[in-house]
Structure formats: structure tokens, C-alpha cells
């Protein structure tokens, strides 16, 4: 039996419960230190609201798939003169 086997058996025995608890608490503490503490999003935005803050720019490009007739209808309604 090697020294490693002896240490492993001792660690797995019931007498080393304090060692296991200490190891578990240490791991939880170390993992919590590694997690990001990033900033929070301080806006209350709902669907349909108008975005009043700075522009939001995505780090990647993506297509906006819209029906061309709906786009043309929006353009036509935007170019109409305002009602008095």
C-alpha cells in the first residue's frame, strides 16, 4: 500500500468530516471569487417602449427579416405630412 492510498483512505473515512467541510467551504468561497460581479442593467424597459438611452450596438451582424410591403407602408406613412 502506497502513501497515496493511505491518504485517500483517510480522506474518505468518517473521521475526516471536518476536512471535507473545510474543503467544501473553501471551494465555494474560491468559486464565488471567480464569478463576475458585472454591472447591473438599471433600466425598466418593456415591449413597445421607446429607447431613450445611448445606442445599443451588437457585437455581431444579423439580418432583420421583414416583409418588403410592410417596410414600404411604413416609409409611405412616415413621409405623409402631419395632421393639423
C-alpha atoms as a PDB file:
ATOM      1  CA  UNK A   1       0.000   0.000   0.000  1.00  0.00           C
ATOM      2  CA  UNK A   2       1.468   3.332  -1.020  1.00  0.00           C
ATOM      3  CA  UNK A   3       1.328   6.642   0.838  1.00  0.00           C
ATOM      4  CA  UNK A   4      -1.260   7.985  -1.628  1.00  0.00           C
ATOM      5  CA  UNK A   5      -3.629   5.108  -0.896  1.00  0.00           C
ATOM      6  CA  UNK A   6      -3.310   5.751   2.826  1.00  0.00           C
ATOM      7  CA  UNK A   7      -4.118   9.464   2.434  1.00  0.00           C
ATOM      8  CA  UNK A   8      -7.049   8.693   0.160  1.00  0.00           C
ATOM      9  CA  UNK A   9      -8.499   6.186   2.616  1.00  0.00           C
ATOM     10  CA  UNK A  10      -8.033   8.649   5.478  1.00  0.00           C
ATOM     11  CA  UNK A  11      -9.773  11.406   3.485  1.00  0.00           C
ATOM     12  CA  UNK A  12     -12.705   9.155   2.647  1.00  0.00           C
ATOM     13  CA  UNK A  13     -13.116   7.884   6.202  1.00  0.00           C
ATOM     14  CA  UNK A  14     -15.804   9.264   8.524  1.00  0.00           C
ATOM     15  CA  UNK A  15     -13.182  10.804  10.824  1.00  0.00           C
ATOM     16  CA  UNK A  16     -12.234  13.405   8.249  1.00  0.00           C
ATOM     17  CA  UNK A  17     -15.626  15.127   8.166  1.00  0.00           C
ATOM     18  CA  UNK A  18     -14.134  18.465   9.262  1.00  0.00           C
ATOM     19  CA  UNK A  19     -11.624  18.229   6.422  1.00  0.00           C
ATOM     20  CA  UNK A  20     -14.426  17.636   3.931  1.00  0.00           C
ATOM     21  CA  UNK A  21     -16.480  20.531   5.271  1.00  0.00           C
ATOM     22  CA  UNK A  22     -13.467  22.830   5.236  1.00  0.00           C
ATOM     23  CA  UNK A  23     -12.657  21.797   1.662  1.00  0.00           C
ATOM     24  CA  UNK A  24     -16.267  22.351   0.573  1.00  0.00           C
ATOM     25  CA  UNK A  25     -16.475  25.803   2.160  1.00  0.00           C
ATOM     26  CA  UNK A  26     -13.110  26.743   0.654  1.00  0.00           C
ATOM     27  CA  UNK A  27     -14.225  25.665  -2.811  1.00  0.00           C
ATOM     28  CA  UNK A  28     -17.480  27.617  -2.561  1.00  0.00           C
ATOM     29  CA  UNK A  29     -15.542  30.707  -1.458  1.00  0.00           C
ATOM     30  CA  UNK A  30     -12.957  30.398  -4.246  1.00  0.00           C
ATOM     31  CA  UNK A  31     -15.608  29.835  -6.914  1.00  0.00           C
ATOM     32  CA  UNK A  32     -17.586  32.848  -5.702  1.00  0.00           C
ATOM     33  CA  UNK A  33     -14.439  34.973  -6.035  1.00  0.00           C
ATOM     34  CA  UNK A  34     -14.057  33.874  -9.659  1.00  0.00           C
ATOM     35  CA  UNK A  35     -17.606  34.742 -10.684  1.00  0.00           C
ATOM     36  CA  UNK A  36     -18.069  38.121 -12.388  1.00  0.00           C
ATOM     37  CA  UNK A  37     -19.561  40.981 -10.447  1.00  0.00           C
ATOM     38  CA  UNK A  38     -20.615  42.842 -13.613  1.00  0.00           C
ATOM     39  CA  UNK A  39     -22.738  45.936 -13.694  1.00  0.00           C
ATOM     40  CA  UNK A  40     -26.469  45.750 -13.472  1.00  0.00           C
ATOM     41  CA  UNK A  41     -28.946  46.917 -16.063  1.00  0.00           C
ATOM     42  CA  UNK A  42     -30.671  49.885 -14.408  1.00  0.00           C
ATOM     43  CA  UNK A  43     -33.435  50.364 -16.960  1.00  0.00           C
ATOM     44  CA  UNK A  44     -37.048  49.284 -16.722  1.00  0.00           C
ATOM     45  CA  UNK A  45     -37.824  48.545 -20.372  1.00  0.00           C
ATOM     46  CA  UNK A  46     -40.988  46.850 -21.562  1.00  0.00           C
ATOM     47  CA  UNK A  47     -42.035  45.683 -25.003  1.00  0.00           C
ATOM     48  CA  UNK A  48     -43.139  48.660 -27.093  1.00  0.00           C
ATOM     49  CA  UNK A  49     -41.245  51.309 -25.093  1.00  0.00           C
ATOM     50  CA  UNK A  50     -39.059  53.866 -26.850  1.00  0.00           C
ATOM     51  CA  UNK A  51     -35.316  53.574 -26.154  1.00  0.00           C
ATOM     52  CA  UNK A  52     -34.111  56.916 -24.719  1.00  0.00           C
ATOM     53  CA  UNK A  53     -30.570  55.953 -23.679  1.00  0.00           C
ATOM     54  CA  UNK A  54     -27.412  55.744 -25.805  1.00  0.00           C
ATOM     55  CA  UNK A  55     -27.418  53.484 -28.835  1.00  0.00           C
ATOM     56  CA  UNK A  56     -27.090  49.770 -28.243  1.00  0.00           C
ATOM     57  CA  UNK A  57     -24.672  48.191 -30.703  1.00  0.00           C
ATOM     58  CA  UNK A  58     -24.498  44.423 -31.102  1.00  0.00           C
ATOM     59  CA  UNK A  59     -21.031  42.849 -31.349  1.00  0.00           C
ATOM     60  CA  UNK A  60     -22.198  40.904 -34.419  1.00  0.00           C
ATOM     61  CA  UNK A  61     -24.347  41.465 -37.501  1.00  0.00           C
ATOM     62  CA  UNK A  62     -27.718  39.873 -38.016  1.00  0.00           C
ATOM     63  CA  UNK A  63     -30.428  40.191 -40.656  1.00  0.00           C
ATOM     64  CA  UNK A  64     -33.731  41.886 -39.910  1.00  0.00           C
ATOM     65  CA  UNK A  65     -36.247  39.854 -41.837  1.00  0.00           C
ATOM     66  CA  UNK A  66     -39.286  41.962 -42.706  1.00  0.00           C
ATOM     67  CA  UNK A  67     -41.874  41.875 -45.426  1.00  0.00           C
ATOM     68  CA  UNK A  68     -40.942  44.442 -48.126  1.00  0.00           C
ATOM     69  CA  UNK A  69     -44.556  45.602 -48.430  1.00  0.00           C
ATOM     70  CA  UNK A  70     -44.691  46.349 -44.682  1.00  0.00           C
ATOM     71  CA  UNK A  71     -41.437  48.304 -44.938  1.00  0.00           C
ATOM     72  CA  UNK A  72     -42.779  50.323 -47.864  1.00  0.00           C
ATOM     73  CA  UNK A  73     -46.037  51.002 -45.980  1.00  0.00           C
ATOM     74  CA  UNK A  74     -44.069  52.373 -43.011  1.00  0.00           C
ATOM     75  CA  UNK A  75     -41.969  54.563 -45.309  1.00  0.00           C
ATOM     76  CA  UNK A  76     -45.100  55.886 -47.024  1.00  0.00           C
ATOM     77  CA  UNK A  77     -46.812  56.669 -43.704  1.00  0.00           C
ATOM     78  CA  UNK A  78     -43.671  58.412 -42.391  1.00  0.00           C
ATOM     79  CA  UNK A  79     -43.473  60.667 -45.442  1.00  0.00           C
ATOM     80  CA  UNK A  80     -47.095  61.848 -45.154  1.00  0.00           C
ATOM     81  CA  UNK A  81     -47.497  65.414 -43.893  1.00  0.00           C
ATOM     82  CA  UNK A  82     -48.621  65.668 -40.256  1.00  0.00           C
ATOM     83  CA  UNK A  83     -52.255  66.330 -39.488  1.00  0.00           C
ATOM     84  CA  UNK A  84     -53.036  69.903 -38.345  1.00  0.00           C
END
